[in-house]
């Protein structure tokens, strides 16, 4: 079994035989020497047979293209062959899910950018390297594996082996670190796009004293400054689970609506955008659009064509680190060894 992120739907769970078969299909359709070779040269071409039960099980022979005819480019892209397998596999997993949490998790895997952190270059210099323990927990959450032994959270609630309680526990410190890290990435990205901004402007407070997370100091669009507010909601929280088992991104969409109602009084003076994400990595549509716009401005200024992708990966990593801190925060506290004695 291999774990990766596919640009098609974000599932990226393959048996090794399926992955090898898709690789062979894309290579045979991509090589320029095959496209230029007369059809008569393929008389000894090895027949490719997919693994048993494969989505392409009806495909028996790869017929060579006619001489001088170029194969359509999608056939030379491995993701184009993988996408049907992902769709079929995820549909089967959703139908066979035994718990609501598994159903919600499988639906979240359909989000195109839910696994953006998996494609990030693991570099300590760039701050994109997850520690071994963080990577273990993040992958376990994605695959639905146990991350710890059942125990009692400091808040008094019982934590299962999958650790989902920590993702929404109000006493978990990871929730605040996740929120702060995501906001820092957005603020730094805006400055990289030559858009100065400040955090938690006092002029945008609600009646209860709450303030949005940031505001640009120059107009963002239509002569208005941008005001944003980040929230990361738990896909598996009891309050969201009835919706997330039915619809992908339901929790993020509900959080966007809640933020929009809270800051409705700002809409006449600012452009307000709620940046909502779920703990499984699913993006809200408004927040994703804003991140894409910021990345495009960075690309226009710096000439870096991958700026949008890198920005999504940074925020996705911040969510995963916050998830890890939230789960580890449910573990009982203890004292570390202060000195080591040699006898």
Foldseek 3Di string as FASTA:
>chain_A
DDAFAFLQFQQRDDDPQLLVLLQVQLQCQPDPVLQADAQVVCPPPDWDAGDPPAPVRVRTGDRGDHHPDHDPNLRNDSSSVCNVRLVVVLVVQLVPDDDLLSLLLSQQSRHSLLPLLRPDDQDVVVVSNDDPLLVVLLVCSNVVHFNAPWDAFPVGHTAHRNLLCLQPDPPFPLQVQLQVQLLVLVQVLCVLLVFHKDAFDQVQAAPVGDGAGMWTPFPDPPRAIETEHEHEAESPDPVNSVPSSPHHCSVQQVVQVVVCVRRVVCVVHHHYFYWYHYLSRHTDPRNLVVLQVSQVSSCVVPVDPCSSSVSSNSSSSSSSSSVSSSSVNRDDDDDDDPDDDDD
